[in-house]
N, C-alpha and C. Protein backbone atom coordinates (compact mmCIF):
# COMPACT_ATOMS: atom_id res chain seq x y z
N MET A 1 -5.42 3.51 8.38
CA MET A 1 -5.69 2.88 7.10
C MET A 1 -6.86 3.57 6.40
N CYS A 2 -7.69 4.28 7.16
CA CYS A 2 -8.83 4.99 6.58
C CYS A 2 -8.39 6.07 5.61
N LYS A 3 -7.35 6.84 5.98
CA LYS A 3 -6.87 7.90 5.10
C LYS A 3 -6.32 7.32 3.81
N ALA A 4 -5.58 6.23 3.91
CA ALA A 4 -5.00 5.61 2.72
C ALA A 4 -6.11 5.10 1.81
N ARG A 5 -7.12 4.52 2.39
CA ARG A 5 -8.24 4.02 1.59
C ARG A 5 -8.91 5.17 0.84
N LYS A 6 -9.18 6.28 1.54
CA LYS A 6 -9.79 7.45 0.91
C LYS A 6 -8.88 8.02 -0.18
N TYR A 7 -7.57 8.02 0.07
CA TYR A 7 -6.60 8.52 -0.89
C TYR A 7 -6.70 7.76 -2.21
N TYR A 8 -6.69 6.43 -2.13
CA TYR A 8 -6.75 5.62 -3.36
C TYR A 8 -8.14 5.67 -4.01
N GLU A 9 -9.20 5.68 -3.22
CA GLU A 9 -10.54 5.77 -3.79
C GLU A 9 -10.75 7.09 -4.52
N SER A 10 -10.17 8.17 -4.01
CA SER A 10 -10.30 9.47 -4.68
C SER A 10 -9.55 9.50 -6.01
N ARG A 11 -8.65 8.57 -6.22
CA ARG A 11 -7.92 8.47 -7.47
C ARG A 11 -8.49 7.41 -8.41
N GLY A 12 -9.67 6.90 -8.09
CA GLY A 12 -10.36 6.00 -8.99
C GLY A 12 -10.10 4.52 -8.78
N TYR A 13 -9.45 4.16 -7.69
CA TYR A 13 -9.18 2.75 -7.39
C TYR A 13 -10.34 2.15 -6.60
N ARG A 14 -10.58 0.88 -6.80
CA ARG A 14 -11.45 0.11 -5.91
C ARG A 14 -10.53 -0.50 -4.87
N VAL A 15 -10.86 -0.33 -3.61
CA VAL A 15 -9.93 -0.70 -2.54
C VAL A 15 -10.51 -1.81 -1.68
N GLU A 16 -9.69 -2.81 -1.42
CA GLU A 16 -10.02 -3.87 -0.47
C GLU A 16 -9.01 -3.80 0.66
N ALA A 17 -9.50 -3.62 1.88
CA ALA A 17 -8.63 -3.55 3.05
C ALA A 17 -8.65 -4.89 3.77
N VAL A 18 -7.56 -5.21 4.42
CA VAL A 18 -7.47 -6.45 5.16
C VAL A 18 -8.40 -6.38 6.37
N VAL A 19 -9.04 -7.47 6.66
CA VAL A 19 -9.85 -7.58 7.87
C VAL A 19 -8.95 -8.20 8.93
N THR A 20 -8.57 -7.39 9.91
CA THR A 20 -7.62 -7.84 10.91
C THR A 20 -8.30 -8.75 11.93
N THR A 21 -7.71 -9.91 12.11
CA THR A 21 -8.18 -10.84 13.13
C THR A 21 -6.99 -11.26 13.98
N GLN A 22 -7.24 -12.14 14.90
CA GLN A 22 -6.17 -12.63 15.76
C GLN A 22 -5.12 -13.39 14.94
N TRP A 23 -5.54 -14.03 13.86
CA TRP A 23 -4.63 -14.88 13.08
C TRP A 23 -4.15 -14.22 11.80
N LYS A 24 -4.86 -13.23 11.31
CA LYS A 24 -4.51 -12.62 10.03
C LYS A 24 -4.43 -11.11 10.20
N LYS A 25 -3.28 -10.53 9.80
CA LYS A 25 -3.11 -9.09 9.95
C LYS A 25 -2.90 -8.39 8.62
N ASP A 26 -2.37 -9.06 7.61
CA ASP A 26 -2.10 -8.46 6.30
C ASP A 26 -2.39 -9.49 5.21
N PHE A 27 -2.60 -8.99 3.96
CA PHE A 27 -2.70 -9.89 2.82
C PHE A 27 -1.32 -10.50 2.60
N TRP A 28 -1.26 -11.80 2.59
CA TRP A 28 -0.01 -12.56 2.40
C TRP A 28 1.07 -12.14 3.40
N GLY A 29 0.67 -11.60 4.51
CA GLY A 29 1.63 -11.17 5.53
C GLY A 29 2.39 -9.92 5.15
N LEU A 30 1.96 -9.20 4.09
CA LEU A 30 2.71 -8.05 3.59
C LEU A 30 1.90 -6.78 3.39
N TRP A 31 0.69 -6.88 2.87
CA TRP A 31 -0.02 -5.72 2.37
C TRP A 31 -1.30 -5.45 3.16
N ASP A 32 -1.56 -4.15 3.41
CA ASP A 32 -2.79 -3.74 4.10
C ASP A 32 -3.92 -3.46 3.12
N LEU A 33 -3.59 -2.94 1.94
CA LEU A 33 -4.60 -2.57 0.95
C LEU A 33 -4.26 -3.17 -0.41
N ILE A 34 -5.28 -3.61 -1.10
CA ILE A 34 -5.16 -3.98 -2.51
C ILE A 34 -6.05 -3.00 -3.26
N CYS A 35 -5.44 -2.22 -4.16
CA CYS A 35 -6.15 -1.17 -4.88
C CYS A 35 -6.12 -1.50 -6.37
N ILE A 36 -7.31 -1.59 -6.99
CA ILE A 36 -7.40 -2.02 -8.38
C ILE A 36 -8.14 -0.97 -9.19
N SER A 37 -7.59 -0.66 -10.36
CA SER A 37 -8.27 0.22 -11.31
C SER A 37 -7.98 -0.30 -12.71
N SER A 38 -8.57 0.35 -13.70
CA SER A 38 -8.32 -0.06 -15.08
C SER A 38 -6.88 0.21 -15.48
N ARG A 39 -6.19 1.09 -14.78
CA ARG A 39 -4.80 1.42 -15.08
C ARG A 39 -3.81 0.45 -14.47
N GLY A 40 -4.20 -0.26 -13.42
CA GLY A 40 -3.28 -1.20 -12.79
C GLY A 40 -3.67 -1.48 -11.35
N THR A 41 -2.77 -2.13 -10.65
CA THR A 41 -3.01 -2.56 -9.27
C THR A 41 -1.91 -1.99 -8.37
N VAL A 42 -2.31 -1.60 -7.16
CA VAL A 42 -1.36 -1.12 -6.15
C VAL A 42 -1.51 -2.00 -4.92
N LEU A 43 -0.39 -2.54 -4.43
CA LEU A 43 -0.35 -3.25 -3.16
C LEU A 43 0.29 -2.29 -2.17
N SER A 44 -0.42 -1.94 -1.11
CA SER A 44 0.05 -0.90 -0.20
C SER A 44 0.20 -1.42 1.22
N GLN A 45 1.33 -1.10 1.83
CA GLN A 45 1.56 -1.31 3.25
C GLN A 45 1.43 0.07 3.89
N VAL A 46 0.51 0.22 4.83
CA VAL A 46 0.27 1.52 5.46
C VAL A 46 0.93 1.51 6.84
N LYS A 47 1.77 2.53 7.06
CA LYS A 47 2.47 2.66 8.34
C LYS A 47 2.16 4.02 8.94
N CYS A 48 2.25 4.09 10.26
CA CYS A 48 2.04 5.35 10.97
C CYS A 48 3.33 5.71 11.70
N ASN A 49 3.92 6.84 11.33
CA ASN A 49 5.11 7.40 11.99
C ASN A 49 6.39 6.58 11.84
N GLY A 50 6.42 5.58 11.02
CA GLY A 50 7.64 4.79 10.91
C GLY A 50 7.68 4.01 9.61
N LEU A 51 8.70 3.21 9.48
CA LEU A 51 8.88 2.39 8.29
C LEU A 51 8.84 0.91 8.67
N PRO A 52 8.58 0.04 7.70
CA PRO A 52 8.61 -1.39 7.98
C PRO A 52 10.04 -1.86 8.31
N THR A 53 10.13 -3.07 8.83
CA THR A 53 11.43 -3.64 9.18
C THR A 53 12.19 -4.08 7.93
N LYS A 54 13.48 -4.34 8.08
CA LYS A 54 14.29 -4.84 6.97
C LYS A 54 13.78 -6.20 6.50
N GLU A 55 13.33 -7.02 7.44
CA GLU A 55 12.77 -8.32 7.08
C GLU A 55 11.55 -8.14 6.18
N TRP A 56 10.68 -7.16 6.49
CA TRP A 56 9.50 -6.92 5.67
C TRP A 56 9.92 -6.49 4.27
N TYR A 57 10.91 -5.58 4.18
CA TYR A 57 11.38 -5.13 2.86
C TYR A 57 11.89 -6.30 2.03
N TYR A 58 12.63 -7.20 2.66
CA TYR A 58 13.14 -8.36 1.92
C TYR A 58 11.99 -9.21 1.40
N ARG A 59 11.02 -9.51 2.27
CA ARG A 59 9.87 -10.33 1.86
C ARG A 59 9.06 -9.64 0.77
N ALA A 60 8.94 -8.32 0.83
CA ALA A 60 8.20 -7.58 -0.19
C ALA A 60 8.94 -7.57 -1.53
N GLU A 61 10.26 -7.48 -1.49
CA GLU A 61 11.05 -7.47 -2.73
C GLU A 61 10.95 -8.80 -3.47
N VAL A 62 10.92 -9.90 -2.76
CA VAL A 62 10.86 -11.20 -3.43
C VAL A 62 9.43 -11.62 -3.79
N PHE A 63 8.45 -10.85 -3.34
CA PHE A 63 7.05 -11.11 -3.67
C PHE A 63 6.82 -10.71 -5.11
N GLU A 64 6.53 -11.67 -5.97
CA GLU A 64 6.40 -11.41 -7.40
C GLU A 64 5.01 -10.87 -7.75
N VAL A 65 5.01 -9.87 -8.61
CA VAL A 65 3.76 -9.25 -9.07
C VAL A 65 3.81 -9.09 -10.58
N PRO A 66 2.64 -8.97 -11.25
CA PRO A 66 2.64 -8.74 -12.69
C PRO A 66 3.15 -7.33 -13.04
N ASP A 67 3.36 -7.10 -14.33
CA ASP A 67 3.93 -5.83 -14.79
C ASP A 67 3.08 -4.60 -14.44
N ASN A 68 1.77 -4.75 -14.37
CA ASN A 68 0.91 -3.60 -14.10
C ASN A 68 0.60 -3.42 -12.61
N CYS A 69 1.44 -3.97 -11.76
CA CYS A 69 1.23 -3.90 -10.32
C CYS A 69 2.39 -3.15 -9.66
N VAL A 70 2.06 -2.34 -8.66
CA VAL A 70 3.04 -1.54 -7.95
C VAL A 70 2.99 -1.90 -6.47
N LYS A 71 4.17 -2.02 -5.85
CA LYS A 71 4.27 -2.27 -4.41
C LYS A 71 4.73 -0.98 -3.75
N VAL A 72 3.94 -0.47 -2.79
CA VAL A 72 4.28 0.79 -2.13
C VAL A 72 4.14 0.70 -0.62
N VAL A 73 4.84 1.60 0.06
CA VAL A 73 4.67 1.82 1.49
C VAL A 73 4.17 3.25 1.63
N ASP A 74 3.01 3.42 2.23
CA ASP A 74 2.45 4.75 2.49
C ASP A 74 2.61 5.05 3.97
N VAL A 75 3.31 6.15 4.29
CA VAL A 75 3.57 6.51 5.68
C VAL A 75 2.76 7.75 6.02
N TYR A 76 2.01 7.67 7.10
CA TYR A 76 1.21 8.78 7.61
C TYR A 76 1.75 9.19 8.97
N LYS A 77 1.70 10.47 9.25
CA LYS A 77 2.12 11.00 10.56
C LYS A 77 0.89 11.21 11.43
N ASP A 78 1.06 11.09 12.73
CA ASP A 78 -0.03 11.37 13.66
C ASP A 78 -0.54 12.80 13.44
N TYR A 79 -1.83 12.97 13.52
CA TYR A 79 -2.50 14.26 13.41
C TYR A 79 -2.27 14.95 12.06
N GLN A 80 -1.91 14.18 11.05
CA GLN A 80 -1.70 14.74 9.72
C GLN A 80 -3.04 15.08 9.09
N ARG A 81 -3.12 16.20 8.41
CA ARG A 81 -4.35 16.61 7.73
C ARG A 81 -4.32 16.11 6.30
N GLY A 82 -5.51 15.85 5.78
CA GLY A 82 -5.61 15.40 4.40
C GLY A 82 -5.41 13.90 4.27
N ASN A 83 -5.68 13.38 3.07
CA ASN A 83 -5.60 11.95 2.84
C ASN A 83 -4.31 11.50 2.19
N ALA A 84 -3.52 12.43 1.66
CA ALA A 84 -2.29 12.05 0.98
C ALA A 84 -1.23 11.64 2.01
N PRO A 85 -0.48 10.58 1.73
CA PRO A 85 0.55 10.16 2.68
C PRO A 85 1.67 11.20 2.78
N SER A 86 2.30 11.30 3.95
CA SER A 86 3.41 12.23 4.11
C SER A 86 4.66 11.71 3.40
N ARG A 87 4.75 10.40 3.25
CA ARG A 87 5.87 9.79 2.56
C ARG A 87 5.37 8.56 1.82
N ARG A 88 5.83 8.40 0.59
CA ARG A 88 5.40 7.27 -0.22
C ARG A 88 6.64 6.61 -0.83
N ILE A 89 6.86 5.35 -0.54
CA ILE A 89 8.03 4.64 -1.03
C ILE A 89 7.56 3.59 -2.04
N ILE A 90 8.02 3.71 -3.27
CA ILE A 90 7.68 2.76 -4.32
C ILE A 90 8.81 1.74 -4.38
N LEU A 91 8.47 0.48 -4.13
CA LEU A 91 9.50 -0.55 -4.03
C LEU A 91 9.99 -1.03 -5.39
N GLN A 92 9.08 -1.29 -6.30
CA GLN A 92 9.47 -1.80 -7.60
C GLN A 92 8.31 -1.58 -8.54
N THR A 93 8.62 -1.14 -9.73
CA THR A 93 7.55 -0.97 -10.69
C THR A 93 8.07 -1.00 -12.12
N LYS A 94 7.30 -1.60 -12.97
CA LYS A 94 7.50 -1.49 -14.40
C LYS A 94 6.37 -0.63 -14.96
N TYR A 95 5.44 -0.33 -14.10
CA TYR A 95 4.22 0.41 -14.42
C TYR A 95 4.49 1.88 -14.14
N THR A 96 4.27 2.76 -15.10
CA THR A 96 4.69 4.15 -14.95
C THR A 96 3.55 5.12 -14.69
N ASP A 97 2.30 4.71 -14.81
CA ASP A 97 1.17 5.63 -14.64
C ASP A 97 0.70 5.66 -13.19
N LEU A 98 1.52 6.19 -12.31
CA LEU A 98 1.18 6.25 -10.89
C LEU A 98 0.56 7.59 -10.56
N ASP A 99 -0.53 7.57 -9.80
CA ASP A 99 -1.16 8.80 -9.29
C ASP A 99 -0.87 8.92 -7.84
């Protein structure tokens, strides 16, 4: 999640990461990062070497967000260099100014 945080911060977002505890693992059970800038908001699920389950995709699709918000899955590979994700899946957006 550190690489993803650096990735969004380098693009001008203020990033809040979930504090993982025994009872809480994600924001609303879906998102690892909430990234906010003057251009909009990104809700990000960060995965390593894989994709979320079909159940997660369904729950993410029905999760309603405002027009200036984007729902994404950022996938990183083990031992990957740099902060950019190796794969980025945008679930739904009406917002077109994505960096």
